[in-house]
Amino acid sequence: MCLRNIKTGKNQCLLVRPQSEHSIESQGRLVFHRFGLHNYLAQVWIAGTNVHSELVQKHAEQTPALGKAGSQAGLIEVALK
C-alpha cells in the first residue's frame, strides 16, 4: 500500500497483509497504535468491502521489551468520510 501526501507530493509505501471479515464495512477507517509520543498506522479499513489491511512491519517502539513505551501505549481510530 502506498500513501501520498498531497501537499508535499511524497509517497510512503508500506507492506500490508489483507484480512477478510464476515461483514461489509459501511465506513472506512484508519487505526493507529500510539507508543510514547508517536502514532503508527496499524490497519486500513475500506468502505464497501469486507477486506481490511494490517501493516506487516512493526516499529521498534512497539516491542514489549522496551517497557517504557508500552506503558504509554494506546489506540486511535479515525473514520473516513
PDB file of N, CA and C in Angstrom:
ATOM      1  N   MET A   1       0.860  -1.154   0.000  1.00  0.00           N
ATOM      2  CA  MET A   1       0.000   0.000   0.000  1.00  0.00           C
ATOM      3  C   MET A   1       0.909   1.219   0.000  1.00  0.00           C
ATOM      4  N   CYS A   2       0.536   2.221  -0.817  1.00  0.00           N
ATOM      5  CA  CYS A   2       1.285   3.470  -0.851  1.00  0.00           C
ATOM      6  C   CYS A   2       0.374   4.621  -0.438  1.00  0.00           C
ATOM      7  N   LEU A   3       0.891   5.473   0.416  1.00  0.00           N
ATOM      8  CA  LEU A   3       0.182   6.667   0.852  1.00  0.00           C
ATOM      9  C   LEU A   3       0.900   7.869   0.251  1.00  0.00           C
ATOM     10  N   ARG A   4       0.124   8.857  -0.183  1.00  0.00           N
ATOM     11  CA  ARG A   4       0.719  10.040  -0.802  1.00  0.00           C
ATOM     12  C   ARG A   4       0.284  11.291  -0.057  1.00  0.00           C
ATOM     13  N   ASN A   5       1.241  12.130   0.311  1.00  0.00           N
ATOM     14  CA  ASN A   5       0.969  13.414   0.925  1.00  0.00           C
ATOM     15  C   ASN A   5       0.669  14.384  -0.211  1.00  0.00           C
ATOM     16  N   ILE A   6      -0.581  14.841  -0.306  1.00  0.00           N
ATOM     17  CA  ILE A   6      -0.957  15.686  -1.435  1.00  0.00           C
ATOM     18  C   ILE A   6      -0.328  17.079  -1.351  1.00  0.00           C
ATOM     19  N   LYS A   7       0.089  17.495  -0.162  1.00  0.00           N
ATOM     20  CA  LYS A   7       0.744  18.799  -0.019  1.00  0.00           C
ATOM     21  C   LYS A   7       2.194  18.765  -0.492  1.00  0.00           C
ATOM     22  N   THR A   8       2.912  17.706  -0.143  1.00  0.00           N
ATOM     23  CA  THR A   8       4.332  17.628  -0.490  1.00  0.00           C
ATOM     24  C   THR A   8       4.600  16.775  -1.726  1.00  0.00           C
ATOM     25  N   GLY A   9       3.650  15.911  -2.092  1.00  0.00           N
ATOM     26  CA  GLY A   9       3.841  15.012  -3.223  1.00  0.00           C
ATOM     27  C   GLY A   9       4.685  13.792  -2.888  1.00  0.00           C
ATOM     28  N   LYS A  10       5.087  13.636  -1.619  1.00  0.00           N
ATOM     29  CA  LYS A  10       5.903  12.492  -1.218  1.00  0.00           C
ATOM     30  C   LYS A  10       5.033  11.255  -1.023  1.00  0.00           C
ATOM     31  N   ASN A  11       5.597  10.089  -1.372  1.00  0.00           N
ATOM     32  CA  ASN A  11       4.922   8.809  -1.203  1.00  0.00           C
ATOM     33  C   ASN A  11       5.593   8.006  -0.106  1.00  0.00           C
ATOM     34  N   GLN A  12       4.804   7.215   0.606  1.00  0.00           N
ATOM     35  CA  GLN A  12       5.323   6.272   1.595  1.00  0.00           C
ATOM     36  C   GLN A  12       4.661   4.934   1.303  1.00  0.00           C
ATOM     37  N   CYS A  13       5.447   3.932   0.958  1.00  0.00           N
ATOM     38  CA  CYS A  13       4.902   2.611   0.657  1.00  0.00           C
ATOM     39  C   CYS A  13       5.093   1.701   1.871  1.00  0.00           C
ATOM     40  N   LEU A  14       4.049   0.947   2.190  1.00  0.00           N
ATOM     41  CA  LEU A  14       4.028   0.095   3.371  1.00  0.00           C
ATOM     42  C   LEU A  14       3.667  -1.333   2.981  1.00  0.00           C
ATOM     43  N   LEU A  15       4.253  -2.285   3.649  1.00  0.00           N
ATOM     44  CA  LEU A  15       3.924  -3.687   3.447  1.00  0.00           C
ATOM     45  C   LEU A  15       2.679  -4.025   4.263  1.00  0.00           C
ATOM     46  N   VAL A  16       1.631  -4.542   3.609  1.00  0.00           N
ATOM     47  CA  VAL A  16       0.395  -4.865   4.316  1.00  0.00           C
ATOM     48  C   VAL A  16      -0.011  -6.307   4.047  1.00  0.00           C
ATOM     49  N   ARG A  17      -0.845  -6.823   4.944  1.00  0.00           N
ATOM     50  CA  ARG A  17      -1.386  -8.176   4.823  1.00  0.00           C
ATOM     51  C   ARG A  17      -2.905  -8.057   4.812  1.00  0.00           C
ATOM     52  N   PRO A  18      -3.561  -8.408   3.679  1.00  0.00           N
ATOM     53  CA  PRO A  18      -5.025  -8.307   3.635  1.00  0.00           C
ATOM     54  C   PRO A  18      -5.679  -9.337   4.561  1.00  0.00           C
ATOM     55  N   GLN A  19      -6.752  -8.922   5.210  1.00  0.00           N
ATOM     56  CA  GLN A  19      -7.541  -9.780   6.094  1.00  0.00           C
ATOM     57  C   GLN A  19      -9.008  -9.676   5.665  1.00  0.00           C
ATOM     58  N   SER A  20      -9.743 -10.769   5.729  1.00  0.00           N
ATOM     59  CA  SER A  20     -11.166 -10.751   5.374  1.00  0.00           C
ATOM     60  C   SER A  20     -12.025 -10.852   6.617  1.00  0.00           C
ATOM     61  N   GLU A  21     -13.141 -10.167   6.595  1.00  0.00           N
ATOM     62  CA  GLU A  21     -14.127 -10.206   7.664  1.00  0.00           C
ATOM     63  C   GLU A  21     -15.422 -10.775   7.097  1.00  0.00           C
ATOM     64  N   HIS A  22     -16.375 -11.086   7.965  1.00  0.00           N
ATOM     65  CA  HIS A  22     -17.657 -11.623   7.513  1.00  0.00           C
ATOM     66  C   HIS A  22     -18.582 -10.531   6.995  1.00  0.00           C
ATOM     67  N   SER A  23     -18.535  -9.366   7.599  1.00  0.00           N
ATOM     68  CA  SER A  23     -19.467  -8.309   7.202  1.00  0.00           C
ATOM     69  C   SER A  23     -18.756  -7.241   6.366  1.00  0.00           C
ATOM     70  N   ILE A  24     -19.537  -6.559   5.542  1.00  0.00           N
ATOM     71  CA  ILE A  24     -19.018  -5.478   4.713  1.00  0.00           C
ATOM     72  C   ILE A  24     -19.050  -4.188   5.520  1.00  0.00           C
ATOM     73  N   GLU A  25     -17.952  -3.452   5.492  1.00  0.00           N
ATOM     74  CA  GLU A  25     -17.839  -2.191   6.227  1.00  0.00           C
ATOM     75  C   GLU A  25     -18.613  -1.092   5.519  1.00  0.00           C
ATOM     76  N   SER A  26     -19.430  -0.372   6.263  1.00  0.00           N
ATOM     77  CA  SER A  26     -20.167   0.745   5.669  1.00  0.00           C
ATOM     78  C   SER A  26     -19.322   2.020   5.665  1.00  0.00           C
ATOM     79  N   GLN A  27     -18.314   2.074   6.522  1.00  0.00           N
ATOM     80  CA  GLN A  27     -17.467   3.258   6.620  1.00  0.00           C
ATOM     81  C   GLN A  27     -16.009   2.830   6.732  1.00  0.00           C
ATOM     82  N   GLY A  28     -15.147   3.481   5.969  1.00  0.00           N
ATOM     83  CA  GLY A  28     -13.727   3.191   6.064  1.00  0.00           C
ATOM     84  C   GLY A  28     -13.129   3.840   7.299  1.00  0.00           C
ATOM     85  N   ARG A  29     -11.982   3.345   7.720  1.00  0.00           N
ATOM     86  CA  ARG A  29     -11.313   3.952   8.870  1.00  0.00           C
ATOM     87  C   ARG A  29      -9.837   3.569   8.883  1.00  0.00           C
ATOM     88  N   LEU A  30      -9.074   4.366   9.583  1.00  0.00           N
ATOM     89  CA  LEU A  30      -7.663   4.101   9.816  1.00  0.00           C
ATOM     90  C   LEU A  30      -7.486   3.848  11.302  1.00  0.00           C
ATOM     91  N   VAL A  31      -6.709   2.850  11.653  1.00  0.00           N
ATOM     92  CA  VAL A  31      -6.453   2.528  13.057  1.00  0.00           C
ATOM     93  C   VAL A  31      -4.965   2.732  13.312  1.00  0.00           C
ATOM     94  N   PHE A  32      -4.667   3.577  14.302  1.00  0.00           N
ATOM     95  CA  PHE A  32      -3.287   3.865  14.680  1.00  0.00           C
ATOM     96  C   PHE A  32      -3.027   3.319  16.075  1.00  0.00           C
ATOM     97  N   HIS A  33      -1.810   2.864  16.323  1.00  0.00           N
ATOM     98  CA  HIS A  33      -1.370   2.493  17.664  1.00  0.00           C
ATOM     99  C   HIS A  33      -0.463   3.608  18.156  1.00  0.00           C
ATOM    100  N   ARG A  34      -0.650   3.992  19.400  1.00  0.00           N
ATOM    101  CA  ARG A  34       0.190   5.034  19.993  1.00  0.00           C
ATOM    102  C   ARG A  34       1.212   4.377  20.906  1.00  0.00           C
ATOM    103  N   PHE A  35       2.466   4.746  20.717  1.00  0.00           N
ATOM    104  CA  PHE A  35       3.554   4.285  21.568  1.00  0.00           C
ATOM    105  C   PHE A  35       4.368   5.503  21.953  1.00  0.00           C
ATOM    106  N   GLY A  36       4.330   5.851  23.220  1.00  0.00           N
ATOM    107  CA  GLY A  36       5.016   7.058  23.662  1.00  0.00           C
ATOM    108  C   GLY A  36       4.358   8.276  23.033  1.00  0.00           C
ATOM    109  N   LEU A  37       5.135   9.091  22.367  1.00  0.00           N
ATOM    110  CA  LEU A  37       4.618  10.306  21.740  1.00  0.00           C
ATOM    111  C   LEU A  37       4.303  10.116  20.256  1.00  0.00           C
ATOM    112  N   HIS A  38       4.447   8.896  19.740  1.00  0.00           N
ATOM    113  CA  HIS A  38       4.292   8.653  18.313  1.00  0.00           C
ATOM    114  C   HIS A  38       3.073   7.778  18.014  1.00  0.00           C
ATOM    115  N   ASN A  39       2.440   8.024  16.865  1.00  0.00           N
ATOM    116  CA  ASN A  39       1.324   7.223  16.377  1.00  0.00           C
ATOM    117  C   ASN A  39       1.777   6.469  15.138  1.00  0.00           C
ATOM    118  N   TYR A  40       1.430   5.175  15.069  1.00  0.00           N
ATOM    119  CA  TYR A  40       1.816   4.330  13.951  1.00  0.00           C
ATOM    120  C   TYR A  40       0.570   3.713  13.333  1.00  0.00           C
ATOM    121  N   LEU A  41       0.452   3.832  12.008  1.00  0.00           N
ATOM    122  CA  LEU A  41      -0.674   3.238  11.300  1.00  0.00           C
ATOM    123  C   LEU A  41      -0.608   1.727  11.450  1.00  0.00           C
ATOM    124  N   ALA A  42      -1.722   1.100  11.861  1.00  0.00           N
ATOM    125  CA  ALA A  42      -1.750  -0.339  12.081  1.00  0.00           C
ATOM    126  C   ALA A  42      -2.713  -1.049  11.140  1.00  0.00           C
ATOM    127  N   GLN A  43      -3.869  -0.427  10.830  1.00  0.00           N
ATOM    128  CA  GLN A  43      -4.883  -1.059   9.986  1.00  0.00           C
ATOM    129  C   GLN A  43      -5.548  -0.024   9.088  1.00  0.00           C
ATOM    130  N   VAL A  44      -5.971  -0.491   7.905  1.00  0.00           N
ATOM    131  CA  VAL A  44      -6.741   0.327   6.977  1.00  0.00           C
ATOM    132  C   VAL A  44      -8.001  -0.461   6.615  1.00  0.00           C
ATOM    133  N   TRP A  45      -9.161   0.113   6.886  1.00  0.00           N
ATOM    134  CA  TRP A  45     -10.450  -0.495   6.571  1.00  0.00           C
ATOM    135  C   TRP A  45     -11.068   0.295   5.423  1.00  0.00           C
ATOM    136  N   ILE A  46     -11.493  -0.386   4.371  1.00  0.00           N
ATOM    137  CA  ILE A  46     -12.029   0.280   3.181  1.00  0.00           C
ATOM    138  C   ILE A  46     -13.538   0.089   3.133  1.00  0.00           C
ATOM    139  N   ALA A  47     -14.257   1.206   3.009  1.00  0.00           N
ATOM    140  CA  ALA A  47     -15.724   1.174   2.970  1.00  0.00           C
ATOM    141  C   ALA A  47     -16.206   0.377   1.758  1.00  0.00           C
ATOM    142  N   GLY A  48     -17.301  -0.357   1.946  1.00  0.00           N
ATOM    143  CA  GLY A  48     -17.918  -1.114   0.867  1.00  0.00           C
ATOM    144  C   GLY A  48     -17.288  -2.457   0.584  1.00  0.00           C
ATOM    145  N   THR A  49     -16.326  -2.873   1.417  1.00  0.00           N
ATOM    146  CA  THR A  49     -15.675  -4.177   1.228  1.00  0.00           C
ATOM    147  C   THR A  49     -15.645  -4.928   2.559  1.00  0.00           C
ATOM    148  N   ASN A  50     -15.320  -6.209   2.490  1.00  0.00           N
ATOM    149  CA  ASN A  50     -15.133  -6.985   3.713  1.00  0.00           C
ATOM    150  C   ASN A  50     -13.654  -7.249   3.965  1.00  0.00           C
ATOM    151  N   VAL A  51     -12.784  -6.452   3.317  1.00  0.00           N
ATOM    152  CA  VAL A  51     -11.340  -6.636   3.436  1.00  0.00           C
ATOM    153  C   VAL A  51     -10.726  -5.431   4.137  1.00  0.00           C
ATOM    154  N   HIS A  52      -9.842  -5.698   5.055  1.00  0.00           N
ATOM    155  CA  HIS A  52      -9.033  -4.635   5.635  1.00  0.00           C
ATOM    156  C   HIS A  52      -7.576  -5.081   5.566  1.00  0.00           C
ATOM    157  N   SER A  53      -6.674  -4.140   5.693  1.00  0.00           N
ATOM    158  CA  SER A  53      -5.247  -4.448   5.610  1.00  0.00           C
ATOM    159  C   SER A  53      -4.571  -4.117   6.922  1.00  0.00           C
ATOM    160  N   GLU A  54      -3.671  -5.005   7.331  1.00  0.00           N
ATOM    161  CA  GLU A  54      -2.869  -4.772   8.526  1.00  0.00           C
ATOM    162  C   GLU A  54      -1.424  -4.607   8.098  1.00  0.00           C
ATOM    163  N   LEU A  55      -0.749  -3.645   8.697  1.00  0.00           N
ATOM    164  CA  LEU A  55       0.652  -3.436   8.363  1.00  0.00           C
ATOM    165  C   LEU A  55       1.485  -4.598   8.859  1.00  0.00           C
ATOM    166  N   VAL A  56       2.430  -5.026   8.046  1.00  0.00           N
ATOM    167  CA  VAL A  56       3.289  -6.162   8.377  1.00  0.00           C
ATOM    168  C   VAL A  56       4.453  -5.716   9.241  1.00  0.00           C
ATOM    169  N   GLN A  57       5.061  -4.588   8.926  1.00  0.00           N
ATOM    170  CA  GLN A  57       6.242  -4.108   9.640  1.00  0.00           C
ATOM    171  C   GLN A  57       5.853  -3.500  10.974  1.00  0.00           C
ATOM    172  N   LYS A  58       6.550  -3.897  12.021  1.00  0.00           N
ATOM    173  CA  LYS A  58       6.347  -3.322  13.344  1.00  0.00           C
ATOM    174  C   LYS A  58       7.511  -2.397  13.650  1.00  0.00           C
ATOM    175  N   HIS A  59       7.218  -1.300  14.324  1.00  0.00           N
ATOM    176  CA  HIS A  59       8.257  -0.349  14.701  1.00  0.00           C
ATOM    177  C   HIS A  59       8.919  -0.798  15.998  1.00  0.00           C
ATOM    178  N   ALA A  60      10.143  -0.392  16.210  1.00  0.00           N
ATOM    179  CA  ALA A  60      10.896  -0.780  17.418  1.00  0.00           C
ATOM    180  C   ALA A  60      10.153  -0.374  18.684  1.00  0.00           C
ATOM    181  N   GLU A  61       9.428   0.747  18.644  1.00  0.00           N
ATOM    182  CA  GLU A  61       8.715   1.234  19.813  1.00  0.00           C
ATOM    183  C   GLU A  61       7.560   0.313  20.211  1.00  0.00           C
ATOM    184  N   GLN A  62       7.155  -0.568  19.311  1.00  0.00           N
ATOM    185  CA  GLN A  62       6.017  -1.431  19.586  1.00  0.00           C
ATOM    186  C   GLN A  62       6.400  -2.711  20.310  1.00  0.00           C
ATOM    187  N   THR A  63       7.670  -2.962  20.514  1.00  0.00           N
ATOM    188  CA  THR A  63       8.083  -4.194  21.153  1.00  0.00           C
ATOM    189  C   THR A  63       7.910  -4.086  22.663  1.00  0.00           C
ATOM    190  N   PRO A  64       7.304  -5.109  23.291  1.00  0.00           N
ATOM    191  CA  PRO A  64       7.068  -5.060  24.735  1.00  0.00           C
ATOM    192  C   PRO A  64       8.349  -4.983  25.552  1.00  0.00           C
ATOM    193  N   ALA A  65       9.480  -5.388  24.998  1.00  0.00           N
ATOM    194  CA  ALA A  65      10.737  -5.385  25.748  1.00  0.00           C
ATOM    195  C   ALA A  65      11.147  -3.975  26.172  1.00  0.00           C
ATOM    196  N   LEU A  66      10.666  -2.962  25.467  1.00  0.00           N
ATOM    197  CA  LEU A  66      11.044  -1.600  25.821  1.00  0.00           C
ATOM    198  C   LEU A  66      10.339  -1.100  27.072  1.00  0.00           C
ATOM    199  N   GLY A  67       9.194  -1.666  27.395  1.00  0.00           N
ATOM    200  CA  GLY A  67       8.506  -1.331  28.635  1.00  0.00           C
ATOM    201  C   GLY A  67       8.047   0.102  28.737  1.00  0.00           C
ATOM    202  N   LYS A  68       8.957   1.043  28.698  1.00  0.00           N
ATOM    203  CA  LYS A  68       8.624   2.456  28.866  1.00  0.00           C
ATOM    204  C   LYS A  68       7.599   2.910  27.831  1.00  0.00           C
ATOM    205  N   ALA A  69       7.820   2.596  26.561  1.00  0.00           N
ATOM    206  CA  ALA A  69       6.870   2.977  25.511  1.00  0.00           C
ATOM    207  C   ALA A  69       5.562   2.220  25.682  1.00  0.00           C
ATOM    208  N   GLY A  70       5.638   0.958  26.110  1.00  0.00           N
ATOM    209  CA  GLY A  70       4.438   0.155  26.294  1.00  0.00           C
ATOM    210  C   GLY A  70       3.517   0.730  27.350  1.00  0.00           C
ATOM    211  N   SER A  71       4.067   1.405  28.341  1.00  0.00           N
ATOM    212  CA  SER A  71       3.238   1.969  29.405  1.00  0.00           C
ATOM    213  C   SER A  71       2.429   3.162  28.909  1.00  0.00           C
ATOM    214  N   GLN A  72       2.825   3.741  27.787  1.00  0.00           N
ATOM    215  CA  GLN A  72       2.114   4.875  27.218  1.00  0.00           C
ATOM    216  C   GLN A  72       1.396   4.474  25.934  1.00  0.00           C
ATOM    217  N   ALA A  73       1.139   3.186  25.754  1.00  0.00           N
ATOM    218  CA  ALA A  73       0.527   2.690  24.527  1.00  0.00           C
ATOM    219  C   ALA A  73      -0.959   3.015  24.502  1.00  0.00           C
ATOM    220  N   GLY A  74      -1.500   3.140  23.311  1.00  0.00           N
ATOM    221  CA  GLY A  74      -2.912   3.416  23.139  1.00  0.00           C
ATOM    222  C   GLY A  74      -3.353   3.092  21.734  1.00  0.00           C
ATOM    223  N   LEU A  75      -4.638   3.289  21.469  1.00  0.00           N
ATOM    224  CA  LEU A  75      -5.224   3.003  20.177  1.00  0.00           C
ATOM    225  C   LEU A  75      -6.005   4.214  19.728  1.00  0.00           C
ATOM    226  N   ILE A  76      -5.816   4.620  18.479  1.00  0.00           N
ATOM    227  CA  ILE A  76      -6.544   5.754  17.910  1.00  0.00           C
ATOM    228  C   ILE A  76      -7.208   5.259  16.631  1.00  0.00           C
ATOM    229  N   GLU A  77      -8.498   5.539  16.489  1.00  0.00           N
ATOM    230  CA  GLU A  77      -9.223   5.133  15.297  1.00  0.00           C
ATOM    231  C   GLU A  77      -9.800   6.368  14.639  1.00  0.00           C
ATOM    232  N   VAL A  78      -9.590   6.505  13.335  1.00  0.00           N
ATOM    233  CA  VAL A  78     -10.058   7.665  12.591  1.00  0.00           C
ATOM    234  C   VAL A  78     -11.006   7.184  11.510  1.00  0.00           C
ATOM    235  N   ALA A  79     -12.261   7.649  11.532  1.00  0.00           N
ATOM    236  CA  ALA A  79     -13.229   7.273  10.496  1.00  0.00           C
ATOM    237  C   ALA A  79     -13.007   8.139   9.272  1.00  0.00           C
ATOM    238  N   LEU A  80     -13.162   7.534   8.104  1.00  0.00           N
ATOM    239  CA  LEU A  80     -13.021   8.251   6.846  1.00  0.00           C
ATOM    240  C   LEU A  80     -14.379   8.661   6.326  1.00  0.00           C
ATOM    241  N   LYS A  81     -14.452   9.811   5.680  1.00  0.00           N
ATOM    242  CA  LYS A  81     -15.716  10.268   5.102  1.00  0.00           C
ATOM    243  C   LYS A  81     -15.938   9.648   3.748  1.00  0.00           C
TER     244      LYS A  81
END
